[in-house]
Amino acid sequence: MSEKTSTELATAEHHGEEPLFPLPPHRHRLTDTDPRAARRAERQVATMFVLSALLVVAFVAVYVGVDVRSTLNLGPFGVVNASNLLLGLTMGGAILLIGIGAIHWAKKLMSDEEIVDERHPLGSPKEDQDAALEAFQTGVAESGFVERKIVRRSLIGALLLFPVPLIVFLKDMGPTDVNVLRETLWKKGDRILVDITLQPLRPEDLNVGTLVSASPEGLNEVQELEHTQNARAKASIILVRMKPEEIRSQQGDNWDYQGILAFSKICTHVGCPIALYQQRTHHLLCPCHQSTFDLSDSGNVVFGPAARQMPQLPITVDEEGYLVAADGFQQPVGPSFWERG
């Protein structure tokens, strides 16, 4: 590989060579000619890296010290969650400062000499490999990473602290008590209500081929008490109606009511909500990763990455003829990893 500087390209005509793409004369940066400007740029880069490290510490402090339910009034921008806002600002600022510092370092302090690499065969001979290694070592030396200790140390410090928020985030991967994932609000006798409208359902309200998203009676009161959407996420179900003779199997004896079946709405792969139903095949399709479940055959998986059937909710009717749960779910709803112990 042949490398030529802008000076060599400019004087190539004296040697009978005409460069295809001549470069303009090289203009030195202020930091190339003024040591004080170089030191000032070095301090600026180091300051950004140090501020990045401080923002990571601030992120942890916010995560520990700010109530997740606290809010801030931003005037025309409305009321926002204080914890989310501060976590975003500190984490985003830490990433931004490392990026800006690295760019400032490259633009002001690293080598700024233009070169042209002539094309060569893809296979590199031993001489070129040695030349590449030498060029890399030269680049390391010219970058000032070894020479400029304050930049090197501040960058290493910022990068060492940067993974800390990722470790802190692990706490939000799930509750400490995994048993709460195994239980939902559904219990024997709970009426089945249409989502949003909260209308109770009778069997005659559902035609063959109908799919309805539903939830248990009393869900809204529980959500208001807990200030969380977790209850809705775990308790959401779908109702489908098919001809009784089309039901090949169920997860329990007579868990349907006149061909009406109830299943969890949460995919057992990674927890996406499902409501795509094909009446002819009785298949339920997850829009996230295309896991497909046969609701006429116990909700078993027929395609896709899901490894477990959709949990079925046994249903019946109460004395007034409304659809109700005959019992709660007999297996955990949601992603299968909840079952791993």
C-alpha atoms as a PDB file:
ATOM      1  CA  MET A   1       0.000   0.000   0.000  1.00  0.00           C
ATOM      2  CA  SER A   2       1.387   3.366  -0.983  1.00  0.00           C
ATOM      3  CA  GLU A   3       0.686   6.422   1.153  1.00  0.00           C
ATOM      4  CA  LYS A   4       1.417   9.974   0.027  1.00  0.00           C
ATOM      5  CA  THR A   5       1.075  13.171   1.989  1.00  0.00           C
ATOM      6  CA  SER A   6      -0.472  16.319   0.549  1.00  0.00           C
ATOM      7  CA  THR A   7       3.015  17.802   0.151  1.00  0.00           C
ATOM      8  CA  GLU A   8       4.189  14.824  -1.909  1.00  0.00           C
ATOM      9  CA  LEU A   9       1.045  14.965  -4.024  1.00  0.00           C
ATOM     10  CA  ALA A  10       1.564  18.663  -4.635  1.00  0.00           C
ATOM     11  CA  THR A  11       5.131  18.063  -5.884  1.00  0.00           C
ATOM     12  CA  ALA A  12       4.336  14.890  -7.789  1.00  0.00           C
ATOM     13  CA  GLU A  13       4.456  16.753 -11.115  1.00  0.00           C
ATOM     14  CA  HIS A  14       8.224  17.301 -10.630  1.00  0.00           C
ATOM     15  CA  HIS A  15       8.658  13.517 -10.742  1.00  0.00           C
ATOM     16  CA  GLY A  16       6.443  12.985 -13.762  1.00  0.00           C
ATOM     17  CA  GLU A  17       3.436  11.859 -11.727  1.00  0.00           C
ATOM     18  CA  GLU A  18      -0.004  13.431 -12.041  1.00  0.00           C
ATOM     19  CA  PRO A  19      -2.270  12.765  -9.003  1.00  0.00           C
ATOM     20  CA  LEU A  20      -5.828  11.821  -9.919  1.00  0.00           C
ATOM     21  CA  PHE A  21      -7.317  13.743  -7.011  1.00  0.00           C
ATOM     22  CA  PRO A  22      -4.879  16.398  -5.833  1.00  0.00           C
ATOM     23  CA  LEU A  23      -5.408  17.711  -2.342  1.00  0.00           C
ATOM     24  CA  PRO A  24      -5.275  21.389  -1.392  1.00  0.00           C
ATOM     25  CA  PRO A  25      -2.299  22.551   0.660  1.00  0.00           C
ATOM     26  CA  HIS A  26      -2.492  21.419   4.258  1.00  0.00           C
ATOM     27  CA  ARG A  27      -3.597  24.083   6.772  1.00  0.00           C
ATOM     28  CA  HIS A  28      -2.351  23.576  10.310  1.00  0.00           C
ATOM     29  CA  ARG A  29      -4.732  23.864  13.228  1.00  0.00           C
ATOM     30  CA  LEU A  30      -4.086  26.269  16.060  1.00  0.00           C
ATOM     31  CA  THR A  31      -3.427  23.339  18.389  1.00  0.00           C
ATOM     32  CA  ASP A  32      -0.715  22.112  15.972  1.00  0.00           C
ATOM     33  CA  THR A  33       1.293  25.308  16.268  1.00  0.00           C
ATOM     34  CA  ASP A  34       0.378  26.715  19.695  1.00  0.00           C
ATOM     35  CA  PRO A  35       1.206  24.518  22.734  1.00  0.00           C
ATOM     36  CA  ARG A  36      -1.065  26.632  24.927  1.00  0.00           C
ATOM     37  CA  ALA A  37      -4.027  25.979  22.631  1.00  0.00           C
ATOM     38  CA  ALA A  38      -3.232  22.262  22.706  1.00  0.00           C
ATOM     39  CA  ARG A  39      -3.162  22.245  26.515  1.00  0.00           C
ATOM     40  CA  ARG A  40      -6.419  24.196  26.592  1.00  0.00           C
ATOM     41  CA  ALA A  41      -8.081  21.647  24.284  1.00  0.00           C
ATOM     42  CA  GLU A  42      -6.694  18.854  26.440  1.00  0.00           C
ATOM     43  CA  ARG A  43      -8.284  20.372  29.538  1.00  0.00           C
ATOM     44  CA  GLN A  44     -11.594  20.795  27.696  1.00  0.00           C
ATOM     45  CA  VAL A  45     -11.649  17.128  26.683  1.00  0.00           C
ATOM     46  CA  ALA A  46     -10.752  15.990  30.184  1.00  0.00           C
ATOM     47  CA  THR A  47     -13.473  18.235  31.662  1.00  0.00           C
ATOM     48  CA  MET A  48     -16.097  16.571  29.458  1.00  0.00           C
ATOM     49  CA  PHE A  49     -14.988  13.101  30.523  1.00  0.00           C
ATOM     50  CA  VAL A  50     -15.014  14.084  34.203  1.00  0.00           C
ATOM     51  CA  LEU A  51     -18.488  15.635  33.865  1.00  0.00           C
ATOM     52  CA  SER A  52     -19.673  12.418  32.223  1.00  0.00           C
ATOM     53  CA  ALA A  53     -18.452  10.448  35.226  1.00  0.00           C
ATOM     54  CA  LEU A  54     -20.202  12.868  37.600  1.00  0.00           C
ATOM     55  CA  LEU A  55     -23.459  12.489  35.677  1.00  0.00           C
ATOM     56  CA  VAL A  56     -23.258   8.717  36.098  1.00  0.00           C
ATOM     57  CA  VAL A  57     -22.932   9.240  39.853  1.00  0.00           C
ATOM     58  CA  ALA A  58     -25.899  11.644  39.679  1.00  0.00           C
ATOM     59  CA  PHE A  59     -27.893   9.003  37.790  1.00  0.00           C
ATOM     60  CA  VAL A  60     -27.409   6.512  40.622  1.00  0.00           C
ATOM     61  CA  ALA A  61     -28.315   9.182  43.187  1.00  0.00           C
ATOM     62  CA  VAL A  62     -31.532  10.019  41.316  1.00  0.00           C
ATOM     63  CA  TYR A  63     -32.422   6.345  40.952  1.00  0.00           C
ATOM     64  CA  VAL A  64     -32.027   5.786  44.692  1.00  0.00           C
ATOM     65  CA  GLY A  65     -33.281   9.098  46.041  1.00  0.00           C
ATOM     66  CA  VAL A  66     -36.135  10.294  43.809  1.00  0.00           C
ATOM     67  CA  ASP A  67     -39.589   8.814  44.336  1.00  0.00           C
ATOM     68  CA  VAL A  68     -40.825   7.130  41.142  1.00  0.00           C
ATOM     69  CA  ARG A  69     -44.225   8.761  41.667  1.00  0.00           C
ATOM     70  CA  SER A  70     -42.934  12.339  42.032  1.00  0.00           C
ATOM     71  CA  THR A  71     -43.760  14.844  39.286  1.00  0.00           C
ATOM     72  CA  LEU A  72     -42.452  18.140  37.936  1.00  0.00           C
ATOM     73  CA  ASN A  73     -44.551  20.921  36.427  1.00  0.00           C
ATOM     74  CA  LEU A  74     -42.763  22.179  33.296  1.00  0.00           C
ATOM     75  CA  GLY A  75     -45.339  24.839  32.479  1.00  0.00           C
ATOM     76  CA  PRO A  76     -46.262  24.697  28.776  1.00  0.00           C
ATOM     77  CA  PHE A  77     -44.752  21.210  28.510  1.00  0.00           C
ATOM     78  CA  GLY A  78     -47.135  19.861  31.159  1.00  0.00           C
ATOM     79  CA  VAL A  79     -46.512  17.657  34.176  1.00  0.00           C
ATOM     80  CA  VAL A  80     -43.865  14.951  33.788  1.00  0.00           C
ATOM     81  CA  ASN A  81     -42.535  12.172  35.960  1.00  0.00           C
ATOM     82  CA  ALA A  82     -39.534  13.605  37.842  1.00  0.00           C
ATOM     83  CA  SER A  83     -37.680  10.303  38.153  1.00  0.00           C
ATOM     84  CA  ASN A  84     -37.916   9.479  34.434  1.00  0.00           C
ATOM     85  CA  LEU A  85     -36.894  13.000  33.425  1.00  0.00           C
ATOM     86  CA  LEU A  86     -33.849  13.170  35.705  1.00  0.00           C
ATOM     87  CA  LEU A  87     -32.736   9.639  34.845  1.00  0.00           C
ATOM     88  CA  GLY A  88     -32.958  10.481  31.147  1.00  0.00           C
ATOM     89  CA  LEU A  89     -31.073  13.746  31.515  1.00  0.00           C
ATOM     90  CA  THR A  90     -28.236  12.280  33.573  1.00  0.00           C
ATOM     91  CA  MET A  91     -27.827   9.131  31.487  1.00  0.00           C
ATOM     92  CA  GLY A  92     -28.174  11.006  28.193  1.00  0.00           C
ATOM     93  CA  GLY A  93     -25.778  13.698  29.363  1.00  0.00           C
ATOM     94  CA  ALA A  94     -23.159  11.121  30.343  1.00  0.00           C
ATOM     95  CA  ILE A  95     -23.320   9.504  26.902  1.00  0.00           C
ATOM     96  CA  LEU A  96     -23.338  12.879  25.125  1.00  0.00           C
ATOM     97  CA  LEU A  97     -20.290  14.202  26.976  1.00  0.00           C
ATOM     98  CA  ILE A  98     -18.217  11.106  26.231  1.00  0.00           C
ATOM     99  CA  GLY A  99     -19.137  11.436  22.542  1.00  0.00           C
ATOM    100  CA  ILE A 100     -18.447  15.174  22.362  1.00  0.00           C
ATOM    101  CA  GLY A 101     -15.191  14.746  24.271  1.00  0.00           C
ATOM    102  CA  ALA A 102     -13.999  12.036  21.880  1.00  0.00           C
ATOM    103  CA  ILE A 103     -14.893  14.172  18.844  1.00  0.00           C
ATOM    104  CA  HIS A 104     -13.161  17.251  20.314  1.00  0.00           C
ATOM    105  CA  TRP A 105     -10.098  15.122  21.061  1.00  0.00           C
ATOM    106  CA  ALA A 106      -9.982  13.823  17.480  1.00  0.00           C
ATOM    107  CA  LYS A 107     -10.528  17.241  15.868  1.00  0.00           C
ATOM    108  CA  LYS A 108      -8.131  19.231  18.043  1.00  0.00           C
ATOM    109  CA  LEU A 109      -5.398  16.919  19.297  1.00  0.00           C
ATOM    110  CA  MET A 110      -5.038  13.848  17.071  1.00  0.00           C
ATOM    111  CA  SER A 111      -2.920  13.812  13.917  1.00  0.00           C
ATOM    112  CA  ASP A 112      -4.399  15.953  11.125  1.00  0.00           C
ATOM    113  CA  GLU A 113      -2.287  15.019   8.094  1.00  0.00           C
ATOM    114  CA  GLU A 114      -4.133  14.104   4.876  1.00  0.00           C
ATOM    115  CA  ILE A 115      -3.060  10.924   3.115  1.00  0.00           C
ATOM    116  CA  VAL A 116      -4.177   9.022   0.038  1.00  0.00           C
ATOM    117  CA  ASP A 117      -4.376   5.227   0.102  1.00  0.00           C
ATOM    118  CA  GLU A 118      -3.984   3.804  -3.375  1.00  0.00           C
ATOM    119  CA  ARG A 119      -6.091   0.766  -4.256  1.00  0.00           C
ATOM    120  CA  HIS A 120      -4.460  -2.616  -3.933  1.00  0.00           C
ATOM    121  CA  PRO A 121      -5.495  -6.287  -4.106  1.00  0.00           C
ATOM    122  CA  LEU A 122      -7.718  -7.455  -1.257  1.00  0.00           C
ATOM    123  CA  GLY A 123      -5.243 -10.059  -0.093  1.00  0.00           C
ATOM    124  CA  SER A 124      -2.621  -8.399   2.102  1.00  0.00           C
ATOM    125  CA  PRO A 125       0.959  -9.665   1.926  1.00  0.00           C
ATOM    126  CA  LYS A 126       3.090  -9.906   5.043  1.00  0.00           C
ATOM    127  CA  GLU A 127       4.775  -6.589   4.323  1.00  0.00           C
ATOM    128  CA  ASP A 128       1.417  -4.795   4.271  1.00  0.00           C
ATOM    129  CA  GLN A 129       0.321  -6.432   7.506  1.00  0.00           C
ATOM    130  CA  ASP A 130       3.510  -5.254   9.152  1.00  0.00           C
ATOM    131  CA  ALA A 131       2.962  -1.805   7.694  1.00  0.00           C
ATOM    132  CA  ALA A 132      -0.607  -1.757   9.026  1.00  0.00           C
ATOM    133  CA  LEU A 133       0.595  -2.703  12.489  1.00  0.00           C
ATOM    134  CA  GLU A 134       3.234  -0.011  12.330  1.00  0.00           C
ATOM    135  CA  ALA A 135       0.599   2.506  11.176  1.00  0.00           C
ATOM    136  CA  PHE A 136      -1.626   1.508  14.083  1.00  0.00           C
ATOM    137  CA  GLN A 137       1.193   1.970  16.547  1.00  0.00           C
ATOM    138  CA  THR A 138       1.980   5.310  14.939  1.00  0.00           C
ATOM    139  CA  GLY A 139      -1.681   6.304  15.250  1.00  0.00           C
ATOM    140  CA  VAL A 140      -1.666   5.416  18.930  1.00  0.00           C
ATOM    141  CA  ALA A 141       1.421   7.567  19.418  1.00  0.00           C
ATOM    142  CA  GLU A 142       0.021  10.480  17.399  1.00  0.00           C
ATOM    143  CA  SER A 143      -3.341  10.356  19.163  1.00  0.00           C
ATOM    144  CA  GLY A 144      -1.633  11.402  22.366  1.00  0.00           C
ATOM    145  CA  PHE A 145      -3.351   8.629  24.333  1.00  0.00           C
ATOM    146  CA  VAL A 146      -0.087   7.664  26.021  1.00  0.00           C
ATOM    147  CA  GLU A 147       1.417  11.141  26.195  1.00  0.00           C
ATOM    148  CA  ARG A 148      -1.630  13.088  27.411  1.00  0.00           C
ATOM    149  CA  LYS A 149      -2.161  11.498  30.786  1.00  0.00           C
ATOM    150  CA  ILE A 150      -4.999  13.733  31.939  1.00  0.00           C
ATOM    151  CA  VAL A 151      -7.114  12.842  28.870  1.00  0.00           C
ATOM    152  CA  ARG A 152      -6.303   9.146  29.178  1.00  0.00           C
ATOM    153  CA  ARG A 153      -7.099   8.954  32.876  1.00  0.00           C
ATOM    154  CA  SER A 154     -10.305  10.972  32.661  1.00  0.00           C
ATOM    155  CA  LEU A 155     -11.547   8.860  29.720  1.00  0.00           C
ATOM    156  CA  ILE A 156     -10.748   5.616  31.522  1.00  0.00           C
ATOM    157  CA  GLY A 157     -12.554   6.909  34.613  1.00  0.00           C
ATOM    158  CA  ALA A 158     -15.633   7.900  32.598  1.00  0.00           C
ATOM    159  CA  LEU A 159     -15.745   4.547  30.775  1.00  0.00           C
ATOM    160  CA  LEU A 160     -15.302   2.593  34.013  1.00  0.00           C
ATOM    161  CA  LEU A 161     -18.265   4.376  35.596  1.00  0.00           C
ATOM    162  CA  PHE A 162     -20.421   4.300  32.467  1.00  0.00           C
ATOM    163  CA  PRO A 163     -21.668   0.661  32.937  1.00  0.00           C
ATOM    164  CA  VAL A 164     -22.899   1.465  36.461  1.00  0.00           C
ATOM    165  CA  PRO A 165     -26.395   2.611  35.301  1.00  0.00           C
ATOM    166  CA  LEU A 166     -26.744  -0.620  33.322  1.00  0.00           C
ATOM    167  CA  ILE A 167     -26.119  -2.594  36.514  1.00  0.00           C
ATOM    168  CA  VAL A 168     -28.593  -0.407  38.410  1.00  0.00           C
ATOM    169  CA  PHE A 169     -31.192  -1.084  35.699  1.00  0.00           C
ATOM    170  CA  LEU A 170     -31.066  -4.795  36.552  1.00  0.00           C
ATOM    171  CA  LYS A 171     -33.186  -4.044  39.615  1.00  0.00           C
ATOM    172  CA  ASP A 172     -36.065  -3.103  37.309  1.00  0.00           C
ATOM    173  CA  MET A 173     -35.924  -6.355  35.371  1.00  0.00           C
ATOM    174  CA  GLY A 174     -38.590  -7.772  37.657  1.00  0.00           C
ATOM    175  CA  PRO A 175     -39.930  -7.853  41.195  1.00  0.00           C
ATOM    176  CA  THR A 176     -37.896  -9.286  44.051  1.00  0.00           C
ATOM    177  CA  ASP A 177     -40.680 -11.745  44.847  1.00  0.00           C
ATOM    178  CA  VAL A 178     -41.228 -13.744  41.650  1.00  0.00           C
ATOM    179  CA  ASN A 179     -44.395 -15.291  43.095  1.00  0.00           C
ATOM    180  CA  VAL A 180     -46.308 -12.117  42.230  1.00  0.00           C
ATOM    181  CA  LEU A 181     -45.768 -13.026  38.590  1.00  0.00           C
ATOM    182  CA  ARG A 182     -47.606 -16.315  39.087  1.00  0.00           C
ATOM    183  CA  GLU A 183     -50.831 -14.747  40.314  1.00  0.00           C
ATOM    184  CA  THR A 184     -53.450 -12.574  38.606  1.00  0.00           C
ATOM    185  CA  LEU A 185     -56.612 -10.838  39.815  1.00  0.00           C
ATOM    186  CA  TRP A 186     -58.820 -13.536  38.359  1.00  0.00           C
ATOM    187  CA  LYS A 187     -60.712 -15.630  40.904  1.00  0.00           C
ATOM    188  CA  LYS A 188     -63.836 -17.725  40.917  1.00  0.00           C
ATOM    189  CA  GLY A 189     -66.990 -15.721  40.198  1.00  0.00           C
ATOM    190  CA  ASP A 190     -65.317 -12.608  38.708  1.00  0.00           C
ATOM    191  CA  ARG A 191     -67.412 -11.192  35.891  1.00  0.00           C
ATOM    192  CA  ILE A 192     -65.773 -10.740  32.523  1.00  0.00           C
ATOM    193  CA  LEU A 193     -65.958  -7.113  31.342  1.00  0.00           C
ATOM    194  CA  VAL A 194     -65.224  -5.699  27.907  1.00  0.00           C
ATOM    195  CA  ASP A 195     -62.067  -3.590  27.982  1.00  0.00           C
ATOM    196  CA  ILE A 196     -62.589   0.198  27.977  1.00  0.00           C
ATOM    197  CA  THR A 197     -66.398   0.072  28.121  1.00  0.00           C
ATOM    198  CA  LEU A 198     -66.441  -2.269  31.168  1.00  0.00           C
ATOM    199  CA  GLN A 199     -69.643  -3.858  29.865  1.00  0.00           C
ATOM    200  CA  PRO A 200     -70.440  -7.325  31.312  1.00  0.00           C
ATOM    201  CA  LEU A 201     -70.943 -10.021  28.708  1.00  0.00           C
ATOM    202  CA  ARG A 202     -73.581 -12.671  28.145  1.00  0.00           C
ATOM    203  CA  PRO A 203     -72.995 -15.665  25.848  1.00  0.00           C
ATOM    204  CA  GLU A 204     -75.479 -14.301  23.319  1.00  0.00           C
ATOM    205  CA  ASP A 205     -73.333 -11.161  22.945  1.00  0.00           C
ATOM    206  CA  LEU A 206     -70.658 -13.209  21.138  1.00  0.00           C
ATOM    207  CA  ASN A 207     -71.113 -14.603  17.652  1.00  0.00           C
ATOM    208  CA  VAL A 208     -69.038 -17.453  16.213  1.00  0.00           C
ATOM    209  CA  GLY A 209     -65.692 -15.997  15.099  1.00  0.00           C
ATOM    210  CA  THR A 210     -65.869 -13.034  17.479  1.00  0.00           C
ATOM    211  CA  LEU A 211     -62.781 -11.979  19.476  1.00  0.00           C
ATOM    212  CA  VAL A 212     -63.178  -9.622  22.448  1.00  0.00           C
ATOM    213  CA  SER A 213     -60.482  -8.162  24.723  1.00  0.00           C
ATOM    214  CA  ALA A 214     -61.631  -8.302  28.345  1.00  0.00           C
ATOM    215  CA  SER A 215     -60.584  -7.886  31.965  1.00  0.00           C
ATOM    216  CA  PRO A 216     -61.942  -8.848  35.408  1.00  0.00           C
ATOM    217  CA  GLU A 217     -64.535  -6.859  37.313  1.00  0.00           C
ATOM    218  CA  GLY A 218     -62.943  -4.533  39.873  1.00  0.00           C
ATOM    219  CA  LEU A 219     -59.715  -4.055  37.935  1.00  0.00           C
ATOM    220  CA  ASN A 220     -59.941  -0.260  37.821  1.00  0.00           C
ATOM    221  CA  GLU A 221     -60.292  -0.022  41.597  1.00  0.00           C
ATOM    222  CA  VAL A 222     -57.183  -2.171  42.053  1.00  0.00           C
ATOM    223  CA  GLN A 223     -55.206  -0.052  39.611  1.00  0.00           C
ATOM    224  CA  GLU A 224     -56.195   3.158  41.392  1.00  0.00           C
ATOM    225  CA  LEU A 225     -55.139   1.646  44.701  1.00  0.00           C
ATOM    226  CA  GLU A 226     -51.789   0.345  43.460  1.00  0.00           C
ATOM    227  CA  HIS A 227     -50.934   3.211  41.073  1.00  0.00           C
ATOM    228  CA  THR A 228     -49.722   0.648  38.560  1.00  0.00           C
ATOM    229  CA  GLN A 229     -50.611  -0.990  35.269  1.00  0.00           C
ATOM    230  CA  ASN A 230     -49.169  -4.342  36.375  1.00  0.00           C
ATOM    231  CA  ALA A 231     -52.586  -5.649  37.374  1.00  0.00           C
ATOM    232  CA  ARG A 232     -54.052  -4.935  33.926  1.00  0.00           C
ATOM    233  CA  ALA A 233     -51.021  -6.383  32.147  1.00  0.00           C
ATOM    234  CA  LYS A 234     -51.357  -9.725  33.927  1.00  0.00           C
ATOM    235  CA  ALA A 235     -55.161  -9.942  33.922  1.00  0.00           C
ATOM    236  CA  SER A 236     -55.902  -9.048  30.298  1.00  0.00           C
ATOM    237  CA  ILE A 237     -57.645 -11.843  28.391  1.00  0.00           C
ATOM    238  CA  ILE A 238     -59.287 -12.504  25.043  1.00  0.00           C
ATOM    239  CA  LEU A 239     -62.603 -14.254  24.484  1.00  0.00           C
ATOM    240  CA  VAL A 240     -63.222 -16.174  21.273  1.00  0.00           C
ATOM    241  CA  ARG A 241     -66.257 -18.143  20.187  1.00  0.00           C
ATOM    242  CA  MET A 242     -66.189 -21.136  17.904  1.00  0.00           C
ATOM    243  CA  LYS A 243     -68.517 -24.040  17.270  1.00  0.00           C
ATOM    244  CA  PRO A 244     -68.261 -26.527  20.178  1.00  0.00           C
ATOM    245  CA  GLU A 245     -67.485 -29.387  17.782  1.00  0.00           C
ATOM    246  CA  GLU A 246     -64.442 -27.444  16.507  1.00  0.00           C
ATOM    247  CA  ILE A 247     -62.799 -27.515  19.947  1.00  0.00           C
ATOM    248  CA  ARG A 248     -60.328 -30.404  19.826  1.00  0.00           C
ATOM    249  CA  SER A 249     -58.852 -30.072  23.332  1.00  0.00           C
ATOM    250  CA  GLN A 250     -58.714 -27.769  26.342  1.00  0.00           C
ATOM    251  CA  GLN A 251     -56.398 -27.285  29.291  1.00  0.00           C
ATOM    252  CA  GLY A 252     -59.146 -28.502  31.640  1.00  0.00           C
ATOM    253  CA  ASP A 253     -62.406 -30.373  31.435  1.00  0.00           C
ATOM    254  CA  ASN A 254     -65.242 -28.180  30.132  1.00  0.00           C
ATOM    255  CA  TRP A 255     -63.355 -24.918  30.564  1.00  0.00           C
ATOM    256  CA  ASP A 256     -65.366 -23.353  27.739  1.00  0.00           C
ATOM    257  CA  TYR A 257     -68.993 -22.233  27.808  1.00  0.00           C
ATOM    258  CA  GLN A 258     -70.983 -23.144  24.696  1.00  0.00           C
ATOM    259  CA  GLY A 259     -67.885 -22.774  22.541  1.00  0.00           C
ATOM    260  CA  ILE A 260     -66.668 -19.555  24.219  1.00  0.00           C
ATOM    261  CA  LEU A 261     -63.014 -19.824  25.282  1.00  0.00           C
ATOM    262  CA  ALA A 262     -60.926 -17.428  27.378  1.00  0.00           C
ATOM    263  CA  PHE A 263     -57.133 -17.156  27.086  1.00  0.00           C
ATOM    264  CA  SER A 264     -54.478 -14.815  28.427  1.00  0.00           C
ATOM    265  CA  LYS A 265     -53.756 -11.942  26.074  1.00  0.00           C
ATOM    266  CA  ILE A 266     -50.023 -11.946  26.886  1.00  0.00           C
ATOM    267  CA  CYS A 267     -47.722 -13.929  24.584  1.00  0.00           C
ATOM    268  CA  THR A 268     -45.670 -16.595  26.333  1.00  0.00           C
ATOM    269  CA  HIS A 269     -42.566 -15.627  24.341  1.00  0.00           C
ATOM    270  CA  VAL A 270     -41.645 -12.100  25.542  1.00  0.00           C
ATOM    271  CA  GLY A 271     -44.996 -10.770  26.734  1.00  0.00           C
ATOM    272  CA  CYS A 272     -46.441  -8.879  23.756  1.00  0.00           C
ATOM    273  CA  PRO A 273     -50.239  -8.360  23.772  1.00  0.00           C
ATOM    274  CA  ILE A 274     -52.051 -10.458  21.161  1.00  0.00           C
ATOM    275  CA  ALA A 275     -55.367  -9.859  19.421  1.00  0.00           C
ATOM    276  CA  LEU A 276     -54.824 -11.138  15.845  1.00  0.00           C
ATOM    277  CA  TYR A 277     -57.223 -14.039  15.362  1.00  0.00           C
ATOM    278  CA  GLN A 278     -57.929 -16.079  12.231  1.00  0.00           C
ATOM    279  CA  GLN A 279     -61.429 -17.511  12.454  1.00  0.00           C
ATOM    280  CA  ARG A 280     -60.986 -20.274   9.863  1.00  0.00           C
ATOM    281  CA  THR A 281     -57.901 -21.873  11.455  1.00  0.00           C
ATOM    282  CA  HIS A 282     -58.571 -20.669  15.040  1.00  0.00           C
ATOM    283  CA  HIS A 283     -54.962 -19.454  15.136  1.00  0.00           C
ATOM    284  CA  LEU A 284     -53.861 -16.554  17.339  1.00  0.00           C
ATOM    285  CA  LEU A 285     -50.853 -14.664  15.952  1.00  0.00           C
ATOM    286  CA  CYS A 286     -48.417 -12.567  17.987  1.00  0.00           C
ATOM    287  CA  PRO A 287     -47.477  -9.418  16.005  1.00  0.00           C
ATOM    288  CA  CYS A 288     -44.033  -9.108  17.621  1.00  0.00           C
ATOM    289  CA  HIS A 289     -42.268 -12.347  16.637  1.00  0.00           C
ATOM    290  CA  GLN A 290     -45.002 -14.318  14.832  1.00  0.00           C
ATOM    291  CA  SER A 291     -45.585 -16.952  17.511  1.00  0.00           C
ATOM    292  CA  THR A 292     -48.818 -18.715  16.561  1.00  0.00           C
ATOM    293  CA  PHE A 293     -51.194 -20.555  18.900  1.00  0.00           C
ATOM    294  CA  ASP A 294     -54.077 -22.894  18.066  1.00  0.00           C
ATOM    295  CA  LEU A 295     -56.943 -21.875  20.353  1.00  0.00           C
ATOM    296  CA  SER A 296     -59.013 -24.892  19.301  1.00  0.00           C
ATOM    297  CA  ASP A 297     -56.255 -27.189  20.592  1.00  0.00           C
ATOM    298  CA  SER A 298     -55.520 -25.982  24.145  1.00  0.00           C
ATOM    299  CA  GLY A 299     -53.757 -22.868  22.872  1.00  0.00           C
ATOM    300  CA  ASN A 300     -50.729 -24.939  21.848  1.00  0.00           C
ATOM    301  CA  VAL A 301     -47.869 -23.396  19.867  1.00  0.00           C
ATOM    302  CA  VAL A 302     -47.941 -24.243  16.162  1.00  0.00           C
ATOM    303  CA  PHE A 303     -45.277 -21.808  14.938  1.00  0.00           C
ATOM    304  CA  GLY A 304     -42.701 -19.319  16.162  1.00  0.00           C
ATOM    305  CA  PRO A 305     -40.306 -18.902  19.090  1.00  0.00           C
ATOM    306  CA  ALA A 306     -42.840 -19.274  21.931  1.00  0.00           C
ATOM    307  CA  ALA A 307     -42.150 -22.428  23.939  1.00  0.00           C
ATOM    308  CA  ARG A 308     -45.369 -22.648  25.969  1.00  0.00           C
ATOM    309  CA  GLN A 309     -49.101 -22.679  25.233  1.00  0.00           C
ATOM    310  CA  MET A 310     -51.306 -19.681  25.942  1.00  0.00           C
ATOM    311  CA  PRO A 311     -52.773 -20.068  29.470  1.00  0.00           C
ATOM    312  CA  GLN A 312     -56.514 -20.737  29.420  1.00  0.00           C
ATOM    313  CA  LEU A 313     -58.988 -19.278  31.914  1.00  0.00           C
ATOM    314  CA  PRO A 314     -61.920 -21.550  32.833  1.00  0.00           C
ATOM    315  CA  ILE A 315     -65.248 -19.746  32.437  1.00  0.00           C
ATOM    316  CA  THR A 316     -68.959 -20.262  33.096  1.00  0.00           C
ATOM    317  CA  VAL A 317     -72.011 -18.052  33.727  1.00  0.00           C
ATOM    318  CA  ASP A 318     -73.441 -16.685  36.977  1.00  0.00           C
ATOM    319  CA  GLU A 319     -77.066 -16.710  38.161  1.00  0.00           C
ATOM    320  CA  GLU A 320     -77.859 -13.662  36.024  1.00  0.00           C
ATOM    321  CA  GLY A 321     -76.457 -15.257  32.899  1.00  0.00           C
ATOM    322  CA  TYR A 322     -73.244 -13.187  32.675  1.00  0.00           C
ATOM    323  CA  LEU A 323     -69.908 -14.766  31.772  1.00  0.00           C
ATOM    324  CA  VAL A 324     -67.655 -15.193  34.806  1.00  0.00           C
ATOM    325  CA  ALA A 325     -64.404 -16.926  35.685  1.00  0.00           C
ATOM    326  CA  ALA A 326     -64.928 -20.459  36.997  1.00  0.00           C
ATOM    327  CA  ASP A 327     -61.497 -20.208  38.638  1.00  0.00           C
ATOM    328  CA  GLY A 328     -58.199 -18.356  38.279  1.00  0.00           C
ATOM    329  CA  PHE A 329     -55.397 -19.191  35.842  1.00  0.00           C
ATOM    330  CA  GLN A 330     -53.824 -22.546  36.636  1.00  0.00           C
ATOM    331  CA  GLN A 331     -50.413 -21.583  35.237  1.00  0.00           C
ATOM    332  CA  PRO A 332     -48.383 -18.345  35.132  1.00  0.00           C
ATOM    333  CA  VAL A 333     -49.273 -15.909  32.386  1.00  0.00           C
ATOM    334  CA  GLY A 334     -46.708 -14.149  30.250  1.00  0.00           C
ATOM    335  CA  PRO A 335     -43.157 -15.089  29.179  1.00  0.00           C
ATOM    336  CA  SER A 336     -41.991 -18.587  30.006  1.00  0.00           C
ATOM    337  CA  PHE A 337     -38.869 -17.435  31.835  1.00  0.00           C
ATOM    338  CA  TRP A 338     -41.071 -16.689  34.846  1.00  0.00           C
ATOM    339  CA  GLU A 339     -41.315 -20.444  35.403  1.00  0.00           C
ATOM    340  CA  ARG A 340     -37.604 -21.050  35.516  1.00  0.00           C
ATOM    341  CA  GLY A 341     -36.406 -21.740  39.009  1.00  0.00           C
END
